[in-house]
C-alpha cells in the first residue's frame, strides 16, 4: 500500500524570541536530528498545519518547543531558498517575560545573546543556512526602517 500524505505545504512559521533586556534567544539543535544536527539557530518554528495561519503556527511552535504561551507578531514573509528546497517563511517576534522550558528533542543548548553577539555568531559555519538567510532579511528590513505611511 502506498504511503498516504495529507498535503504538501511550503508555509513555515518561525519565531525570534527576545527577553525584556532586548537579547535574542539562540539555540543549538540536538546532534541526533535529521536536519541540521548540532546546528545553531536564532528561530524556532515549523510547518503550518492545515488551516493554520502563520501567527497560529508560530504560537503553537513557541509553546511546543519552548513552553512559552504568547502571541508572536508577524514581521516579514519571504521565499527562503532552503537547504532542501524553497519555501515561504513567516518570521515573527515575541518578547518572553517569564521562564522558558526548552523541549530537549528540539533544543540541546540555548542562551540569550545581544544583537552584536548574534551578528558574530551568524557567520559561524554551524549556523543553520536557512536561519542565516532569515537573519539577513531581518537586518535588511530593520536598516530600511518602517514603510512610509499613506
N, C-alpha and C. Protein backbone atom coordinates (compact mmCIF):
# COMPACT_ATOMS: atom_id res chain seq x y z
N UNK A 1 0.85 -1.19 0.00
CA UNK A 1 0.00 0.00 0.00
C UNK A 1 0.88 1.24 0.00
N UNK A 2 0.53 2.21 -0.79
CA UNK A 2 1.29 3.46 -0.89
C UNK A 2 1.11 4.29 0.37
N UNK A 3 2.14 5.07 0.70
CA UNK A 3 2.07 5.95 1.86
C UNK A 3 1.11 7.10 1.57
N UNK A 4 0.26 7.41 2.53
CA UNK A 4 -0.70 8.50 2.38
C UNK A 4 -0.06 9.79 2.88
N UNK A 5 -0.22 10.86 2.13
CA UNK A 5 0.30 12.16 2.51
C UNK A 5 -0.88 13.11 2.60
N UNK A 6 -1.01 13.78 3.75
CA UNK A 6 -2.12 14.71 3.94
C UNK A 6 -2.04 15.89 2.99
N UNK A 7 -0.83 16.45 2.85
CA UNK A 7 -0.66 17.62 1.99
C UNK A 7 0.81 17.89 1.83
N UNK A 8 1.12 18.70 0.87
CA UNK A 8 2.47 19.22 0.73
C UNK A 8 2.34 20.71 0.90
N UNK A 9 3.00 21.26 1.92
CA UNK A 9 2.84 22.66 2.26
C UNK A 9 4.21 23.30 2.38
N UNK A 10 4.36 24.47 1.84
CA UNK A 10 5.64 25.15 1.91
C UNK A 10 5.62 26.33 2.89
N UNK A 11 4.57 26.47 3.70
CA UNK A 11 4.50 27.57 4.65
C UNK A 11 5.15 27.17 5.97
N UNK A 12 6.14 27.94 6.40
CA UNK A 12 6.83 27.69 7.66
C UNK A 12 6.76 28.95 8.50
N UNK A 13 6.35 28.78 9.75
CA UNK A 13 6.28 29.90 10.68
C UNK A 13 7.43 29.79 11.67
N UNK A 14 8.16 30.87 11.85
CA UNK A 14 9.27 30.89 12.79
C UNK A 14 9.11 32.04 13.77
N UNK A 15 9.77 31.91 14.92
CA UNK A 15 9.66 32.93 15.97
C UNK A 15 11.05 33.29 16.47
N UNK A 16 11.30 34.58 16.54
CA UNK A 16 12.50 35.12 17.18
C UNK A 16 12.06 35.57 18.57
N UNK A 17 12.74 35.07 19.59
CA UNK A 17 12.38 35.40 20.96
C UNK A 17 13.37 36.38 21.55
N UNK A 18 12.84 37.41 22.18
CA UNK A 18 13.66 38.39 22.90
C UNK A 18 13.26 38.34 24.37
N UNK A 19 14.20 38.72 25.23
CA UNK A 19 13.84 38.89 26.63
C UNK A 19 13.57 40.38 26.87
N UNK A 20 13.24 40.73 28.07
CA UNK A 20 12.89 42.13 28.37
C UNK A 20 14.09 43.06 28.28
N UNK A 21 15.30 42.51 28.20
CA UNK A 21 16.51 43.33 28.03
C UNK A 21 16.90 43.46 26.57
N UNK A 22 16.10 42.89 25.65
CA UNK A 22 16.36 43.01 24.22
C UNK A 22 17.28 41.94 23.65
N UNK A 23 17.73 41.00 24.49
CA UNK A 23 18.60 39.93 23.99
C UNK A 23 17.77 38.91 23.21
N UNK A 24 18.43 38.21 22.31
CA UNK A 24 17.77 37.22 21.44
C UNK A 24 18.16 35.82 21.89
N UNK A 25 17.19 34.93 21.96
CA UNK A 25 17.46 33.55 22.33
C UNK A 25 18.01 32.80 21.12
N UNK A 26 19.18 32.20 21.30
CA UNK A 26 19.83 31.38 20.27
C UNK A 26 19.93 29.98 20.84
N UNK A 27 19.73 28.98 19.97
CA UNK A 27 19.80 27.60 20.46
C UNK A 27 20.60 26.71 19.50
N UNK A 28 20.99 25.57 20.04
CA UNK A 28 21.67 24.54 19.24
C UNK A 28 20.75 23.34 19.15
N UNK A 29 20.61 22.82 17.94
CA UNK A 29 19.77 21.65 17.72
C UNK A 29 20.49 20.39 18.23
N UNK A 30 19.75 19.40 18.70
CA UNK A 30 20.38 18.16 19.15
C UNK A 30 21.17 17.49 18.01
N UNK A 31 22.20 16.77 18.36
CA UNK A 31 23.05 16.11 17.38
C UNK A 31 22.35 14.98 16.64
N UNK A 32 21.26 14.46 17.20
CA UNK A 32 20.57 13.32 16.57
C UNK A 32 19.45 13.74 15.62
N UNK A 33 19.30 15.03 15.36
CA UNK A 33 18.25 15.50 14.45
C UNK A 33 18.63 15.22 13.00
N UNK A 34 17.65 14.87 12.17
CA UNK A 34 17.91 14.57 10.77
C UNK A 34 18.35 15.81 10.00
N UNK A 35 17.70 16.93 10.27
CA UNK A 35 18.05 18.18 9.59
C UNK A 35 18.88 19.06 10.51
N UNK A 36 19.97 19.54 10.00
CA UNK A 36 20.88 20.45 10.71
C UNK A 36 21.26 19.96 12.10
N UNK A 37 21.76 18.72 12.22
CA UNK A 37 22.16 18.24 13.56
C UNK A 37 23.24 19.12 14.15
N UNK A 38 23.05 19.53 15.41
CA UNK A 38 24.02 20.38 16.09
C UNK A 38 24.06 21.80 15.58
N UNK A 39 23.16 22.15 14.67
CA UNK A 39 23.15 23.49 14.09
C UNK A 39 22.70 24.56 15.06
N UNK A 40 23.25 25.74 14.89
CA UNK A 40 22.86 26.91 15.70
C UNK A 40 21.76 27.66 14.98
N UNK A 41 20.80 28.19 15.74
CA UNK A 41 19.66 28.87 15.14
C UNK A 41 19.16 29.95 16.08
N UNK A 42 18.59 30.98 15.51
CA UNK A 42 18.01 32.07 16.31
C UNK A 42 16.49 32.05 16.21
N UNK A 43 15.94 31.06 15.47
CA UNK A 43 14.50 30.95 15.29
C UNK A 43 14.03 29.57 15.75
N UNK A 44 12.79 29.52 16.21
CA UNK A 44 12.09 28.26 16.43
C UNK A 44 10.98 28.22 15.41
N UNK A 45 10.53 27.05 15.05
CA UNK A 45 9.39 27.02 14.14
C UNK A 45 9.21 25.70 13.45
N UNK A 46 8.26 25.73 12.53
CA UNK A 46 7.94 24.54 11.76
C UNK A 46 6.82 24.83 10.79
N UNK A 47 6.40 23.77 10.11
CA UNK A 47 5.36 23.89 9.09
C UNK A 47 4.01 24.24 9.71
N UNK A 48 3.27 25.07 8.99
CA UNK A 48 1.90 25.40 9.41
C UNK A 48 1.02 24.18 9.17
N UNK A 49 0.11 23.92 10.09
CA UNK A 49 -0.85 22.82 9.95
C UNK A 49 -1.96 23.25 8.99
N UNK A 50 -2.75 22.30 8.48
CA UNK A 50 -3.86 22.67 7.59
C UNK A 50 -4.80 23.68 8.24
N UNK A 51 -5.06 24.78 7.53
CA UNK A 51 -5.97 25.81 8.02
C UNK A 51 -5.37 26.75 9.05
N UNK A 52 -4.11 26.58 9.39
CA UNK A 52 -3.47 27.40 10.41
C UNK A 52 -2.81 28.62 9.77
N UNK A 53 -2.97 29.80 10.38
CA UNK A 53 -2.29 30.99 9.90
C UNK A 53 -0.83 30.95 10.36
N UNK A 54 -0.01 31.82 9.77
CA UNK A 54 1.37 31.93 10.23
C UNK A 54 1.41 32.22 11.74
N UNK A 55 0.58 33.16 12.19
CA UNK A 55 0.59 33.55 13.59
C UNK A 55 0.19 32.40 14.50
N UNK A 56 -0.82 31.63 14.10
CA UNK A 56 -1.25 30.47 14.90
C UNK A 56 -0.15 29.42 14.95
N UNK A 57 0.49 29.17 13.80
CA UNK A 57 1.57 28.19 13.76
C UNK A 57 2.75 28.64 14.61
N UNK A 58 3.08 29.91 14.56
CA UNK A 58 4.19 30.43 15.35
C UNK A 58 3.91 30.29 16.85
N UNK A 59 2.69 30.61 17.27
CA UNK A 59 2.32 30.47 18.68
C UNK A 59 2.37 29.01 19.12
N UNK A 60 1.90 28.10 18.28
CA UNK A 60 1.92 26.67 18.60
C UNK A 60 3.35 26.17 18.73
N UNK A 61 4.20 26.53 17.77
CA UNK A 61 5.59 26.10 17.81
C UNK A 61 6.32 26.65 19.04
N UNK A 62 6.04 27.89 19.39
CA UNK A 62 6.64 28.51 20.57
C UNK A 62 6.27 27.73 21.83
N UNK A 63 5.01 27.34 21.94
CA UNK A 63 4.55 26.57 23.10
C UNK A 63 5.17 25.17 23.10
N UNK A 64 5.20 24.52 21.94
CA UNK A 64 5.73 23.16 21.86
C UNK A 64 7.23 23.09 22.13
N UNK A 65 7.99 24.00 21.58
CA UNK A 65 9.44 23.91 21.64
C UNK A 65 10.07 24.64 22.82
N UNK A 66 9.37 25.64 23.36
CA UNK A 66 9.96 26.45 24.43
C UNK A 66 9.08 26.54 25.67
N UNK A 67 7.85 26.03 25.59
CA UNK A 67 6.96 26.08 26.73
C UNK A 67 6.45 27.48 27.04
N UNK A 68 6.44 28.35 26.04
CA UNK A 68 6.01 29.74 26.22
C UNK A 68 4.68 29.96 25.50
N UNK A 69 3.72 30.50 26.21
CA UNK A 69 2.43 30.84 25.61
C UNK A 69 2.40 32.34 25.38
N UNK A 70 2.36 32.72 24.10
CA UNK A 70 2.37 34.14 23.73
C UNK A 70 1.84 34.26 22.31
N UNK A 71 1.59 35.51 21.90
CA UNK A 71 1.12 35.79 20.54
C UNK A 71 2.22 36.50 19.77
N UNK A 72 3.02 35.75 19.03
CA UNK A 72 4.08 36.39 18.24
C UNK A 72 3.51 37.29 17.16
N UNK A 73 4.22 38.36 16.85
CA UNK A 73 3.80 39.30 15.80
C UNK A 73 4.58 39.03 14.52
N UNK A 74 3.86 38.95 13.40
CA UNK A 74 4.50 38.73 12.11
C UNK A 74 5.32 39.95 11.73
N UNK A 75 6.58 39.73 11.36
CA UNK A 75 7.50 40.79 10.97
C UNK A 75 7.68 40.83 9.46
N UNK A 76 7.87 39.66 8.85
CA UNK A 76 8.05 39.60 7.40
C UNK A 76 7.82 38.18 6.91
N UNK A 77 7.51 38.08 5.63
CA UNK A 77 7.46 36.78 4.95
C UNK A 77 8.32 36.90 3.70
N UNK A 78 8.94 35.80 3.33
CA UNK A 78 9.75 35.79 2.12
C UNK A 78 9.92 34.35 1.64
N UNK A 79 10.35 34.22 0.41
CA UNK A 79 10.63 32.90 -0.15
C UNK A 79 12.08 32.56 0.18
N UNK A 80 12.23 31.63 1.11
CA UNK A 80 13.56 31.21 1.57
C UNK A 80 14.11 30.18 0.58
N UNK A 81 15.38 30.31 0.22
CA UNK A 81 15.99 29.38 -0.73
C UNK A 81 15.94 27.95 -0.20
N UNK A 82 16.13 27.80 1.10
CA UNK A 82 16.04 26.48 1.73
C UNK A 82 17.19 25.56 1.37
N UNK A 83 17.66 24.81 2.36
CA UNK A 83 18.73 23.85 2.14
C UNK A 83 18.23 22.70 1.28
N UNK A 84 17.00 22.25 1.53
CA UNK A 84 16.43 21.12 0.78
C UNK A 84 15.64 21.60 -0.43
N UNK A 85 14.78 22.59 -0.23
CA UNK A 85 14.00 23.17 -1.33
C UNK A 85 13.43 24.50 -0.86
N UNK A 86 13.03 25.37 -1.78
CA UNK A 86 12.47 26.67 -1.40
C UNK A 86 11.14 26.52 -0.65
N UNK A 87 10.85 27.49 0.21
CA UNK A 87 9.59 27.53 0.94
C UNK A 87 9.30 28.96 1.38
N UNK A 88 8.03 29.22 1.76
CA UNK A 88 7.63 30.53 2.28
C UNK A 88 7.87 30.53 3.78
N UNK A 89 8.63 31.50 4.26
CA UNK A 89 8.94 31.59 5.68
C UNK A 89 8.29 32.84 6.25
N UNK A 90 7.54 32.68 7.31
CA UNK A 90 6.96 33.79 8.05
C UNK A 90 7.75 34.00 9.32
N UNK A 91 8.42 35.14 9.44
CA UNK A 91 9.26 35.43 10.60
C UNK A 91 8.48 36.29 11.58
N UNK A 92 8.39 35.84 12.82
CA UNK A 92 7.66 36.53 13.88
C UNK A 92 8.62 36.92 14.99
N UNK A 93 8.19 37.85 15.83
CA UNK A 93 8.94 38.21 17.03
C UNK A 93 8.01 38.18 18.22
N UNK A 94 8.59 37.89 19.39
CA UNK A 94 7.84 37.91 20.64
C UNK A 94 8.81 38.25 21.77
N UNK A 95 8.33 38.98 22.77
CA UNK A 95 9.12 39.25 23.97
C UNK A 95 8.68 38.24 25.02
N UNK A 96 9.65 37.49 25.53
CA UNK A 96 9.39 36.48 26.55
C UNK A 96 9.65 37.11 27.91
N UNK A 97 8.63 37.15 28.75
CA UNK A 97 8.77 37.81 30.05
C UNK A 97 8.98 36.83 31.20
N UNK A 98 8.70 35.56 30.98
CA UNK A 98 8.86 34.56 32.04
C UNK A 98 9.95 33.56 31.70
N UNK A 99 9.92 32.46 32.42
CA UNK A 99 10.92 31.42 32.20
C UNK A 99 10.59 30.60 30.96
N UNK A 100 11.59 29.90 30.45
CA UNK A 100 11.41 29.03 29.29
C UNK A 100 11.69 27.59 29.71
N UNK A 101 11.02 26.66 29.04
CA UNK A 101 11.22 25.23 29.28
C UNK A 101 11.47 24.56 27.93
N UNK A 102 12.71 24.58 27.46
CA UNK A 102 13.01 24.02 26.15
C UNK A 102 12.74 22.53 26.06
N UNK A 103 12.19 22.10 24.93
CA UNK A 103 11.98 20.69 24.65
C UNK A 103 13.34 20.11 24.26
N UNK A 104 13.88 19.15 25.03
CA UNK A 104 15.21 18.61 24.72
C UNK A 104 15.28 17.87 23.39
N UNK A 105 14.14 17.51 22.83
CA UNK A 105 14.14 16.88 21.50
C UNK A 105 14.40 17.92 20.42
N UNK A 106 14.20 19.19 20.73
CA UNK A 106 14.39 20.28 19.77
C UNK A 106 15.56 21.20 20.10
N UNK A 107 15.90 21.31 21.38
CA UNK A 107 16.90 22.28 21.83
C UNK A 107 17.89 21.61 22.76
N UNK A 108 19.15 21.51 22.33
CA UNK A 108 20.19 20.89 23.14
C UNK A 108 20.86 21.91 24.08
N UNK A 109 20.87 23.15 23.67
CA UNK A 109 21.51 24.24 24.42
C UNK A 109 20.87 25.53 23.98
N UNK A 110 20.84 26.53 24.89
CA UNK A 110 20.36 27.86 24.49
C UNK A 110 21.00 28.92 25.38
N UNK A 111 20.97 30.15 24.87
CA UNK A 111 21.46 31.29 25.64
C UNK A 111 20.83 32.55 25.06
N UNK A 112 20.76 33.58 25.88
CA UNK A 112 20.26 34.88 25.45
C UNK A 112 21.46 35.71 25.04
N UNK A 113 21.50 36.15 23.77
CA UNK A 113 22.64 36.91 23.24
C UNK A 113 22.24 38.32 22.85
N UNK A 114 23.19 39.23 22.97
CA UNK A 114 22.97 40.60 22.50
C UNK A 114 22.96 40.55 20.96
N UNK A 115 22.40 41.58 20.34
CA UNK A 115 22.39 41.62 18.88
C UNK A 115 23.80 41.64 18.28
N UNK A 116 24.77 42.38 18.85
CA UNK A 116 26.13 42.31 18.29
C UNK A 116 26.72 40.90 18.37
N UNK A 117 26.48 40.20 19.46
CA UNK A 117 26.99 38.82 19.58
C UNK A 117 26.29 37.91 18.58
N UNK A 118 24.98 38.08 18.38
CA UNK A 118 24.25 37.30 17.40
C UNK A 118 24.82 37.55 16.00
N UNK A 119 25.10 38.81 15.67
CA UNK A 119 25.67 39.15 14.36
C UNK A 119 26.99 38.42 14.12
N UNK A 120 27.79 38.24 15.16
CA UNK A 120 29.03 37.47 15.05
C UNK A 120 28.74 35.99 14.83
N UNK A 121 27.82 35.45 15.62
CA UNK A 121 27.51 34.03 15.60
C UNK A 121 26.91 33.58 14.26
N UNK A 122 26.16 34.46 13.61
CA UNK A 122 25.54 34.12 12.33
C UNK A 122 26.60 33.70 11.30
N UNK A 123 27.81 34.21 11.43
CA UNK A 123 28.88 33.87 10.49
C UNK A 123 29.53 32.51 10.79
N UNK A 124 29.20 31.92 11.93
CA UNK A 124 29.75 30.61 12.31
C UNK A 124 29.23 29.54 11.35
N UNK A 125 30.09 28.65 10.90
CA UNK A 125 29.69 27.61 9.94
C UNK A 125 28.62 26.67 10.49
N UNK A 126 28.47 26.61 11.80
CA UNK A 126 27.44 25.75 12.40
C UNK A 126 26.06 26.39 12.36
N UNK A 127 25.98 27.68 12.00
CA UNK A 127 24.69 28.37 11.95
C UNK A 127 23.89 27.82 10.77
N UNK A 128 22.63 27.46 11.02
CA UNK A 128 21.76 26.86 10.01
C UNK A 128 21.61 27.83 8.83
N UNK A 129 21.89 27.38 7.60
CA UNK A 129 21.85 28.28 6.43
C UNK A 129 20.51 29.01 6.25
N UNK A 130 19.39 28.34 6.46
CA UNK A 130 18.09 28.99 6.32
C UNK A 130 17.94 30.10 7.36
N UNK A 131 18.45 29.87 8.57
CA UNK A 131 18.39 30.89 9.62
C UNK A 131 19.29 32.07 9.28
N UNK A 132 20.41 31.80 8.62
CA UNK A 132 21.31 32.87 8.18
C UNK A 132 20.61 33.75 7.14
N UNK A 133 19.89 33.11 6.21
CA UNK A 133 19.15 33.87 5.20
C UNK A 133 18.06 34.73 5.86
N UNK A 134 17.35 34.16 6.82
CA UNK A 134 16.30 34.91 7.52
C UNK A 134 16.91 36.08 8.30
N UNK A 135 18.06 35.85 8.91
CA UNK A 135 18.74 36.92 9.64
C UNK A 135 19.10 38.07 8.70
N UNK A 136 19.61 37.75 7.51
CA UNK A 136 19.97 38.79 6.54
C UNK A 136 18.73 39.59 6.13
N UNK A 137 17.62 38.92 5.89
CA UNK A 137 16.38 39.62 5.52
C UNK A 137 15.91 40.51 6.67
N UNK A 138 15.97 39.99 7.88
CA UNK A 138 15.53 40.71 9.08
C UNK A 138 16.38 41.96 9.29
N UNK A 139 17.70 41.83 9.15
CA UNK A 139 18.56 43.01 9.35
C UNK A 139 18.36 44.02 8.23
N UNK A 140 18.16 43.56 6.99
CA UNK A 140 17.87 44.48 5.89
C UNK A 140 16.60 45.27 6.16
N UNK A 141 15.57 44.59 6.64
CA UNK A 141 14.30 45.24 6.95
C UNK A 141 14.49 46.28 8.06
N UNK A 142 15.23 45.94 9.07
CA UNK A 142 15.47 46.86 10.19
C UNK A 142 16.26 48.08 9.76
N UNK A 143 17.21 47.88 8.85
CA UNK A 143 18.02 49.00 8.34
C UNK A 143 17.19 49.96 7.50
N UNK A 144 16.24 49.40 6.74
CA UNK A 144 15.42 50.25 5.86
C UNK A 144 14.38 51.03 6.62
N UNK A 145 14.07 50.60 7.85
CA UNK A 145 13.10 51.32 8.66
C UNK A 145 11.67 51.04 8.25
N UNK A 146 10.72 51.63 8.97
CA UNK A 146 9.32 51.39 8.64
C UNK A 146 8.93 52.00 7.31
N UNK A 147 7.96 51.37 6.68
CA UNK A 147 7.44 51.89 5.41
C UNK A 147 6.73 53.21 5.65
N UNK A 148 6.80 54.12 4.68
CA UNK A 148 6.12 55.41 4.84
C UNK A 148 4.60 55.21 4.96
N UNK A 149 3.97 56.02 5.77
CA UNK A 149 2.51 55.94 5.95
C UNK A 149 1.81 56.47 4.70
N UNK A 150 0.63 55.95 4.48
CA UNK A 150 -0.20 56.52 3.45
C UNK A 150 -0.31 55.78 2.22
